[in-house]
């Protein structure tokens, strides 16, 4: 990702509606499929410090942790390790108080076979040339019975200048993502699109922007879509709308949306 985009993400990840909505949905599902399965309780009901420092605490690998925006929430589930190709990103994570950091790429993870209980790739694999290789390597380090959670942008039709700024290689469909995870050895247990409520607004805007780019050329724009200033009331409204999906997505899988997630299990 461009340095400009990194700075934007760092500044916005706490309060921007897009980040707030993602966190609400991701950790609602991890409470259901990871924490509850292991302990009988959701992560927010557990004593976080006790879990993180217990000798038998689950090991969580956040692959492509970036600036560490997900690490505080992941630490509720156990001992979390941030992994990224950028030394600058890892330094920022350490400044935030996370000491367990590893530098490298997803093709060769510095962990033993079956070392971690949960691998997370939050909007990561779309940046990587060979996503299948990363899924295979993730499968290797996942314990039998352990989980992987992958989130990605949806629909190649919506590939736009925002994807170019973020250095995305591709966007996905549910079928694409499940097939690649199965090829690596995982069994998908929850697949859903998300950012669904706002999708009827987002998709036409993206397609209109793409049409203008084709007609009038691609602008030199170093800013991502989420970097633009937004009135507080609008931001709060969008955040509440996005976060509203966290209840239904526990029980159902949305058939369409601007983004996509999959939780899969390594067979025991």
Protein backbone atom coordinates (compact mmCIF):
# COMPACT_ATOMS: atom_id res chain seq x y z
CA UNK A 1 0.00 0.00 0.00
CA UNK A 2 1.17 3.56 -0.69
CA UNK A 3 2.67 5.51 2.23
CA UNK A 4 -0.09 8.08 1.77
CA UNK A 5 -2.76 5.39 2.13
CA UNK A 6 -1.03 3.98 5.22
CA UNK A 7 -1.14 7.36 6.92
CA UNK A 8 -4.79 7.76 5.99
CA UNK A 9 -5.66 4.33 7.39
CA UNK A 10 -3.76 5.00 10.62
CA UNK A 11 -5.59 8.27 11.18
CA UNK A 12 -9.04 6.96 10.27
CA UNK A 13 -9.17 3.40 11.58
CA UNK A 14 -10.56 4.36 14.98
CA UNK A 15 -13.54 6.51 13.99
CA UNK A 16 -14.31 6.01 10.30
CA UNK A 17 -17.59 4.21 9.65
CA UNK A 18 -15.98 1.62 7.36
CA UNK A 19 -13.49 0.48 10.01
CA UNK A 20 -16.11 0.49 12.75
CA UNK A 21 -18.50 -1.63 10.69
CA UNK A 22 -15.86 -4.17 9.75
CA UNK A 23 -14.73 -4.66 13.33
CA UNK A 24 -18.29 -5.13 14.55
CA UNK A 25 -19.01 -7.82 11.95
CA UNK A 26 -15.67 -9.65 12.13
CA UNK A 27 -15.58 -10.03 15.88
CA UNK A 28 -19.24 -10.91 16.18
CA UNK A 29 -18.49 -13.88 13.94
CA UNK A 30 -15.24 -14.77 15.69
CA UNK A 31 -17.08 -14.72 19.01
CA UNK A 32 -19.49 -17.25 17.54
CA UNK A 33 -17.15 -19.52 15.61
CA UNK A 34 -13.87 -19.31 17.56
CA UNK A 35 -14.28 -18.09 21.13
CA UNK A 36 -17.60 -19.79 21.81
CA UNK A 37 -16.46 -23.08 20.29
CA UNK A 38 -13.33 -23.14 22.46
CA UNK A 39 -14.62 -21.77 25.73
CA UNK A 40 -18.40 -21.79 25.65
CA UNK A 41 -18.43 -18.00 26.01
CA UNK A 42 -18.07 -15.08 23.63
CA UNK A 43 -14.74 -13.26 23.78
CA UNK A 44 -16.30 -10.09 25.21
CA UNK A 45 -17.52 -12.18 28.18
CA UNK A 46 -14.01 -13.48 28.94
CA UNK A 47 -11.39 -11.86 31.21
CA UNK A 48 -9.04 -10.66 28.46
CA UNK A 49 -5.87 -10.37 30.53
CA UNK A 50 -6.33 -13.84 31.98
CA UNK A 51 -6.76 -15.41 28.54
CA UNK A 52 -3.85 -13.60 26.89
CA UNK A 53 -1.36 -14.59 29.58
CA UNK A 54 -2.51 -18.15 30.28
CA UNK A 55 0.11 -20.80 29.37
CA UNK A 56 -2.39 -22.63 27.19
CA UNK A 57 -3.85 -19.48 25.61
CA UNK A 58 -4.87 -19.87 21.96
CA UNK A 59 -2.30 -18.61 19.47
CA UNK A 60 -3.63 -16.15 16.89
CA UNK A 61 -1.65 -15.08 13.82
CA UNK A 62 -2.79 -11.85 12.16
CA UNK A 63 -1.20 -12.26 8.75
CA UNK A 64 -0.84 -8.87 7.08
CA UNK A 65 -1.53 -6.99 10.30
CA UNK A 66 -0.69 -3.60 8.77
CA UNK A 67 -0.76 -0.88 11.40
CA UNK A 68 -2.31 -3.17 14.00
CA UNK A 69 -5.89 -2.00 13.94
CA UNK A 70 -7.24 -5.52 14.61
CA UNK A 71 -4.69 -6.57 17.25
CA UNK A 72 -6.52 -5.13 20.29
CA UNK A 73 -9.70 -7.07 19.44
CA UNK A 74 -7.81 -10.25 18.57
CA UNK A 75 -5.99 -10.16 21.90
CA UNK A 76 -9.32 -10.93 23.58
CA UNK A 77 -9.04 -14.47 22.24
CA UNK A 78 -5.48 -15.30 23.29
CA UNK A 79 -1.85 -14.61 22.45
CA UNK A 80 -1.79 -12.62 19.22
CA UNK A 81 1.17 -12.36 16.84
CA UNK A 82 1.29 -9.63 14.22
CA UNK A 83 2.92 -10.55 10.92
CA UNK A 84 3.64 -8.20 8.04
CA UNK A 85 6.02 -7.59 5.15
CA UNK A 86 6.54 -3.97 6.23
CA UNK A 87 9.00 -3.19 9.02
CA UNK A 88 7.44 0.26 9.32
CA UNK A 89 4.05 -1.27 10.01
CA UNK A 90 5.43 -3.61 12.67
CA UNK A 91 7.24 -0.73 14.37
CA UNK A 92 3.92 1.11 14.58
CA UNK A 93 2.28 -2.00 16.12
CA UNK A 94 5.01 -2.15 18.76
CA UNK A 95 4.44 1.52 19.55
CA UNK A 96 0.85 0.54 20.28
CA UNK A 97 2.07 -1.98 22.88
CA UNK A 98 2.15 -5.23 20.89
CA UNK A 99 5.52 -6.92 21.31
CA UNK A 100 4.92 -10.19 19.43
CA UNK A 101 5.75 -9.20 15.86
CA UNK A 102 7.22 -11.13 12.94
CA UNK A 103 8.58 -9.78 9.66
CA UNK A 104 8.25 -11.65 6.38
CA UNK A 105 5.87 -12.56 3.58
CA UNK A 106 3.02 -15.00 3.52
CA UNK A 107 4.81 -17.51 1.28
CA UNK A 108 7.14 -18.76 4.05
CA UNK A 109 5.85 -18.29 7.59
CA UNK A 110 8.44 -18.66 10.40
CA UNK A 111 6.29 -21.04 12.45
CA UNK A 112 6.17 -24.79 13.01
CA UNK A 113 3.45 -26.94 11.46
CA UNK A 114 0.23 -26.65 13.43
CA UNK A 115 1.53 -23.80 15.59
CA UNK A 116 -1.51 -21.51 15.71
CA UNK A 117 -5.19 -21.90 16.53
CA UNK A 118 -6.46 -19.06 14.35
CA UNK A 119 -5.07 -17.34 11.26
CA UNK A 120 -6.65 -14.06 10.19
CA UNK A 121 -6.14 -12.33 6.86
CA UNK A 122 -8.18 -9.13 7.02
CA UNK A 123 -8.13 -7.58 3.54
CA UNK A 124 -4.68 -9.03 2.89
CA UNK A 125 -4.63 -11.66 0.14
CA UNK A 126 -5.93 -9.29 -2.52
CA UNK A 127 -2.53 -7.55 -2.22
CA UNK A 128 -0.57 -10.77 -2.89
CA UNK A 129 0.34 -12.18 -6.31
CA UNK A 130 -0.08 -15.87 -5.39
CA UNK A 131 -2.98 -16.08 -2.95
CA UNK A 132 -3.15 -19.88 -3.26
CA UNK A 133 0.42 -20.19 -1.93
CA UNK A 134 -0.49 -18.04 1.08
CA UNK A 135 -3.52 -20.21 1.82
CA UNK A 136 -1.38 -23.36 1.62
CA UNK A 137 1.19 -21.90 4.00
CA UNK A 138 -1.55 -20.72 6.35
CA UNK A 139 -2.98 -24.23 6.34
CA UNK A 140 0.43 -25.65 7.28
CA UNK A 141 0.75 -23.51 10.42
CA UNK A 142 -2.89 -23.96 11.50
CA UNK A 143 -3.55 -26.58 14.16
CA UNK A 144 -5.87 -29.46 13.27
CA UNK A 145 -9.32 -28.19 14.10
CA UNK A 146 -8.10 -24.59 13.96
CA UNK A 147 -9.65 -21.79 11.93
CA UNK A 148 -8.76 -19.27 9.27
CA UNK A 149 -10.74 -16.07 8.67
CA UNK A 150 -10.29 -14.29 5.34
CA UNK A 151 -11.88 -11.01 4.26
CA UNK A 152 -11.55 -9.58 0.75
CA UNK A 153 -13.15 -7.03 -1.59
CA UNK A 154 -15.92 -8.47 -3.76
CA UNK A 155 -16.55 -8.58 -7.52
CA UNK A 156 -13.87 -7.93 -10.12
CA UNK A 157 -16.44 -5.81 -11.97
CA UNK A 158 -15.99 -3.22 -9.21
CA UNK A 159 -12.19 -3.04 -9.55
CA UNK A 160 -11.50 0.70 -9.64
CA UNK A 161 -8.89 3.36 -8.98
CA UNK A 162 -9.37 2.77 -5.25
CA UNK A 163 -8.06 -0.78 -5.78
CA UNK A 164 -5.12 0.64 -7.74
CA UNK A 165 -4.23 3.02 -4.89
CA UNK A 166 -4.39 0.13 -2.42
CA UNK A 167 -2.27 -2.11 -4.72
CA UNK A 168 -4.97 -4.76 -5.03
CA UNK A 169 -4.34 -7.59 -7.47
CA UNK A 170 -7.93 -8.78 -7.70
CA UNK A 171 -11.40 -8.86 -6.16
CA UNK A 172 -13.30 -12.06 -5.34
CA UNK A 173 -16.60 -13.90 -5.49
CA UNK A 174 -17.74 -16.35 -2.81
CA UNK A 175 -17.14 -19.24 -5.18
CA UNK A 176 -13.57 -18.11 -5.93
CA UNK A 177 -12.65 -17.73 -2.28
CA UNK A 178 -14.16 -21.02 -1.10
CA UNK A 179 -12.55 -22.92 -3.96
CA UNK A 180 -9.08 -21.60 -3.13
CA UNK A 181 -9.48 -22.36 0.56
CA UNK A 182 -10.66 -25.90 -0.22
CA UNK A 183 -7.68 -26.39 -2.53
CA UNK A 184 -5.41 -25.49 0.40
CA UNK A 185 -7.14 -28.12 2.58
CA UNK A 186 -9.62 -26.05 4.60
CA UNK A 187 -13.34 -26.70 4.97
CA UNK A 188 -15.41 -23.48 4.74
CA UNK A 189 -17.94 -23.18 7.59
CA UNK A 190 -19.19 -19.60 7.12
CA UNK A 191 -19.13 -17.59 3.90
CA UNK A 192 -20.98 -14.33 3.43
CA UNK A 193 -20.85 -11.06 1.61
CA UNK A 194 -21.04 -7.99 3.86
CA UNK A 195 -21.42 -4.23 3.55
CA UNK A 196 -24.68 -5.35 1.97
CA UNK A 197 -27.15 -2.71 3.14
CA UNK A 198 -25.10 0.07 1.55
CA UNK A 199 -24.19 -1.99 -1.53
CA UNK A 200 -27.08 -0.67 -3.72
CA UNK A 201 -25.62 2.82 -3.19
CA UNK A 202 -21.92 1.93 -3.44
CA UNK A 203 -22.01 -0.26 -6.57
CA UNK A 204 -23.63 2.29 -8.95
CA UNK A 205 -21.26 5.01 -7.73
CA UNK A 206 -18.22 2.81 -8.39
CA UNK A 207 -19.48 1.81 -11.85
CA UNK A 208 -20.23 5.43 -12.72
CA UNK A 209 -16.73 6.43 -11.65
CA UNK A 210 -15.24 3.65 -13.77
CA UNK A 211 -17.23 4.82 -16.78
CA UNK A 212 -15.97 8.39 -16.33
CA UNK A 213 -12.40 7.10 -16.06
CA UNK A 214 -12.74 5.22 -19.36
CA UNK A 215 -14.21 8.21 -21.12
CA UNK A 216 -11.96 10.93 -19.70
CA UNK A 217 -8.83 9.10 -18.52
CA UNK A 218 -7.57 7.92 -15.15
CA UNK A 219 -6.93 10.76 -12.66
CA UNK A 220 -3.71 10.87 -10.67
CA UNK A 221 -5.40 10.35 -7.33
CA UNK A 222 -3.29 9.12 -4.38
CA UNK A 223 -6.28 9.03 -2.04
CA UNK A 224 -8.43 6.08 -1.13
CA UNK A 225 -12.22 6.35 -1.02
CA UNK A 226 -12.28 6.40 2.77
CA UNK A 227 -9.84 9.32 3.05
CA UNK A 228 -12.28 12.10 2.29
CA UNK A 229 -13.55 14.29 5.12
CA UNK A 230 -17.08 13.39 6.17
CA UNK A 231 -19.59 15.21 8.42
CA UNK A 232 -19.87 13.56 11.84
CA UNK A 233 -23.59 12.93 11.52
CA UNK A 234 -23.18 11.21 8.15
CA UNK A 235 -20.27 9.15 9.46
CA UNK A 236 -22.32 8.07 12.48
CA UNK A 237 -25.29 7.16 10.27
CA UNK A 238 -23.17 5.07 7.91
CA UNK A 239 -21.44 3.40 10.85
CA UNK A 240 -24.75 2.44 12.46
CA UNK A 241 -26.06 1.14 9.12
CA UNK A 242 -22.98 -0.97 8.49
CA UNK A 243 -22.80 -2.29 12.06
CA UNK A 244 -26.47 -3.31 11.87
CA UNK A 245 -25.38 -6.28 9.72
CA UNK A 246 -23.61 -7.95 12.65
CA UNK A 247 -26.87 -9.36 14.06
CA UNK A 248 -28.31 -10.96 10.91
CA UNK A 249 -24.93 -12.23 9.68
CA UNK A 250 -24.69 -14.53 12.69
CA UNK A 251 -27.68 -16.49 11.39
CA UNK A 252 -27.67 -15.92 7.63
CA UNK A 253 -25.20 -15.36 4.82
CA UNK A 254 -25.78 -12.30 2.66
CA UNK A 255 -25.94 -13.16 -1.07
CA UNK A 256 -24.27 -9.92 -2.23
CA UNK A 257 -22.24 -7.04 -0.85
CA UNK A 258 -19.26 -4.80 -1.42
CA UNK A 259 -16.98 -7.16 0.53
CA UNK A 260 -16.73 -10.86 1.31
CA UNK A 261 -15.63 -13.03 4.23
CA UNK A 262 -15.02 -16.70 4.82
CA UNK A 263 -14.25 -18.67 7.99
CA UNK A 264 -12.86 -22.14 7.33
CA UNK A 265 -11.62 -25.01 9.49
CA UNK A 266 -8.59 -27.26 9.17
CA UNK A 267 -9.91 -30.82 9.50
CA UNK A 268 -9.13 -32.51 12.80
